[in-house]
Amino acid sequence: MVNEPQNPELHVNEEPRNDFLDLMVGFGGMFGFMFLIGIIATVIEVMTK
């Protein structure tokens, strides 16, 4: 079998991925990072008053 990029049915996916898991990990990581920044900003705001 020749791997022809023009025919998607013949294309061999060498690295199968779980797109939903990748999305959830990315969303969770970004949410955690922004949540941490929000907590730090809140602590700084409370301490400077």
N, C-alpha and C. Protein backbone atom coordinates (compact mmCIF):
# COMPACT_ATOMS: atom_id res chain seq x y z
N MET A 1 0.85 -1.18 0.00
CA MET A 1 0.00 0.00 0.00
C MET A 1 0.89 1.24 0.00
N VAL A 2 0.63 2.12 -0.93
CA VAL A 2 1.40 3.35 -1.04
C VAL A 2 0.66 4.44 -0.27
N ASN A 3 1.38 5.18 0.54
CA ASN A 3 0.77 6.24 1.33
C ASN A 3 0.65 7.50 0.48
N GLU A 4 -0.56 7.72 -0.06
CA GLU A 4 -0.81 8.88 -0.91
C GLU A 4 -1.48 9.97 -0.10
N PRO A 5 -0.88 11.14 0.02
CA PRO A 5 -1.49 12.20 0.83
C PRO A 5 -2.76 12.77 0.22
N GLN A 6 -2.99 12.53 -1.09
CA GLN A 6 -4.20 13.05 -1.73
C GLN A 6 -5.45 12.27 -1.32
N ASN A 7 -5.28 11.02 -0.91
CA ASN A 7 -6.42 10.18 -0.55
C ASN A 7 -6.46 10.02 0.97
N PRO A 8 -7.41 10.69 1.64
CA PRO A 8 -7.43 10.62 3.11
C PRO A 8 -7.74 9.23 3.65
N GLU A 9 -8.39 8.37 2.85
CA GLU A 9 -8.70 7.02 3.32
C GLU A 9 -7.45 6.16 3.41
N LEU A 10 -6.43 6.48 2.61
CA LEU A 10 -5.20 5.70 2.63
C LEU A 10 -4.15 6.27 3.57
N HIS A 11 -4.43 7.43 4.12
CA HIS A 11 -3.44 8.06 4.99
C HIS A 11 -3.36 7.32 6.32
N VAL A 12 -2.14 6.98 6.72
CA VAL A 12 -1.93 6.28 7.99
C VAL A 12 -1.65 7.32 9.07
N ASN A 13 -2.48 7.31 10.09
CA ASN A 13 -2.30 8.25 11.20
C ASN A 13 -1.24 7.67 12.14
N GLU A 14 -0.03 8.21 12.05
CA GLU A 14 1.07 7.64 12.85
C GLU A 14 0.94 7.97 14.33
N GLU A 15 0.27 9.07 14.66
CA GLU A 15 0.19 9.50 16.05
C GLU A 15 -1.26 9.77 16.42
N PRO A 16 -2.01 8.75 16.78
CA PRO A 16 -3.42 8.99 17.14
C PRO A 16 -3.53 9.82 18.41
N ARG A 17 -4.43 10.76 18.39
CA ARG A 17 -4.60 11.67 19.52
C ARG A 17 -6.05 11.70 19.97
N ASN A 18 -6.24 12.01 21.23
CA ASN A 18 -7.58 12.22 21.75
C ASN A 18 -7.79 13.73 21.81
N ASP A 19 -8.48 14.26 20.80
CA ASP A 19 -8.65 15.71 20.70
C ASP A 19 -9.43 16.29 21.87
N PHE A 20 -10.45 15.57 22.34
CA PHE A 20 -11.25 16.09 23.46
C PHE A 20 -10.40 16.17 24.72
N LEU A 21 -9.56 15.17 24.95
CA LEU A 21 -8.68 15.20 26.13
C LEU A 21 -7.68 16.35 26.00
N ASP A 22 -7.13 16.55 24.81
CA ASP A 22 -6.21 17.67 24.59
C ASP A 22 -6.91 19.00 24.87
N LEU A 23 -8.15 19.12 24.42
CA LEU A 23 -8.92 20.34 24.66
C LEU A 23 -9.15 20.57 26.15
N MET A 24 -9.54 19.52 26.87
CA MET A 24 -9.80 19.65 28.30
C MET A 24 -8.53 19.97 29.09
N VAL A 25 -7.41 19.35 28.72
CA VAL A 25 -6.15 19.64 29.39
C VAL A 25 -5.74 21.09 29.14
N GLY A 26 -5.88 21.53 27.91
CA GLY A 26 -5.54 22.92 27.58
C GLY A 26 -6.45 23.90 28.29
N PHE A 27 -7.74 23.62 28.29
CA PHE A 27 -8.69 24.50 28.96
C PHE A 27 -8.43 24.54 30.46
N GLY A 28 -8.21 23.36 31.04
CA GLY A 28 -7.95 23.29 32.48
C GLY A 28 -6.67 23.99 32.86
N GLY A 29 -5.63 23.82 32.05
CA GLY A 29 -4.36 24.49 32.32
C GLY A 29 -4.48 26.00 32.24
N MET A 30 -5.17 26.49 31.22
CA MET A 30 -5.35 27.94 31.07
C MET A 30 -6.23 28.49 32.19
N PHE A 31 -7.29 27.76 32.54
CA PHE A 31 -8.15 28.19 33.64
C PHE A 31 -7.37 28.27 34.94
N GLY A 32 -6.56 27.25 35.22
CA GLY A 32 -5.76 27.26 36.45
C GLY A 32 -4.77 28.40 36.48
N PHE A 33 -4.13 28.67 35.34
CA PHE A 33 -3.17 29.77 35.26
C PHE A 33 -3.86 31.12 35.50
N MET A 34 -5.00 31.35 34.86
CA MET A 34 -5.74 32.61 35.04
C MET A 34 -6.30 32.72 36.46
N PHE A 35 -6.73 31.60 37.04
CA PHE A 35 -7.23 31.61 38.40
C PHE A 35 -6.12 32.00 39.38
N LEU A 36 -4.93 31.47 39.15
CA LEU A 36 -3.77 31.80 39.98
C LEU A 36 -3.42 33.29 39.86
N ILE A 37 -3.43 33.81 38.65
CA ILE A 37 -3.16 35.24 38.45
C ILE A 37 -4.22 36.08 39.15
N GLY A 38 -5.49 35.66 39.08
CA GLY A 38 -6.57 36.38 39.76
C GLY A 38 -6.40 36.39 41.27
N ILE A 39 -6.00 35.26 41.83
CA ILE A 39 -5.78 35.18 43.28
C ILE A 39 -4.62 36.09 43.69
N ILE A 40 -3.52 36.05 42.93
CA ILE A 40 -2.37 36.89 43.24
C ILE A 40 -2.74 38.36 43.13
N ALA A 41 -3.47 38.73 42.09
CA ALA A 41 -3.88 40.13 41.92
C ALA A 41 -4.80 40.56 43.06
N THR A 42 -5.69 39.69 43.50
CA THR A 42 -6.59 40.01 44.61
C THR A 42 -5.83 40.20 45.91
N VAL A 43 -4.86 39.34 46.18
CA VAL A 43 -4.05 39.46 47.39
C VAL A 43 -3.26 40.76 47.37
N ILE A 44 -2.67 41.10 46.23
CA ILE A 44 -1.93 42.35 46.12
C ILE A 44 -2.85 43.55 46.34
N GLU A 45 -4.04 43.50 45.75
CA GLU A 45 -4.99 44.60 45.89
C GLU A 45 -5.44 44.77 47.35
N VAL A 46 -5.69 43.67 48.05
CA VAL A 46 -6.13 43.75 49.44
C VAL A 46 -5.00 44.24 50.34
N MET A 47 -3.77 43.83 50.06
CA MET A 47 -2.64 44.23 50.91
C MET A 47 -2.23 45.69 50.71
N THR A 48 -2.54 46.27 49.57
CA THR A 48 -2.14 47.65 49.32
C THR A 48 -3.17 48.66 49.78
N LYS A 49 -4.30 48.23 50.29
CA LYS A 49 -5.31 49.18 50.79
C LYS A 49 -5.17 49.41 52.26
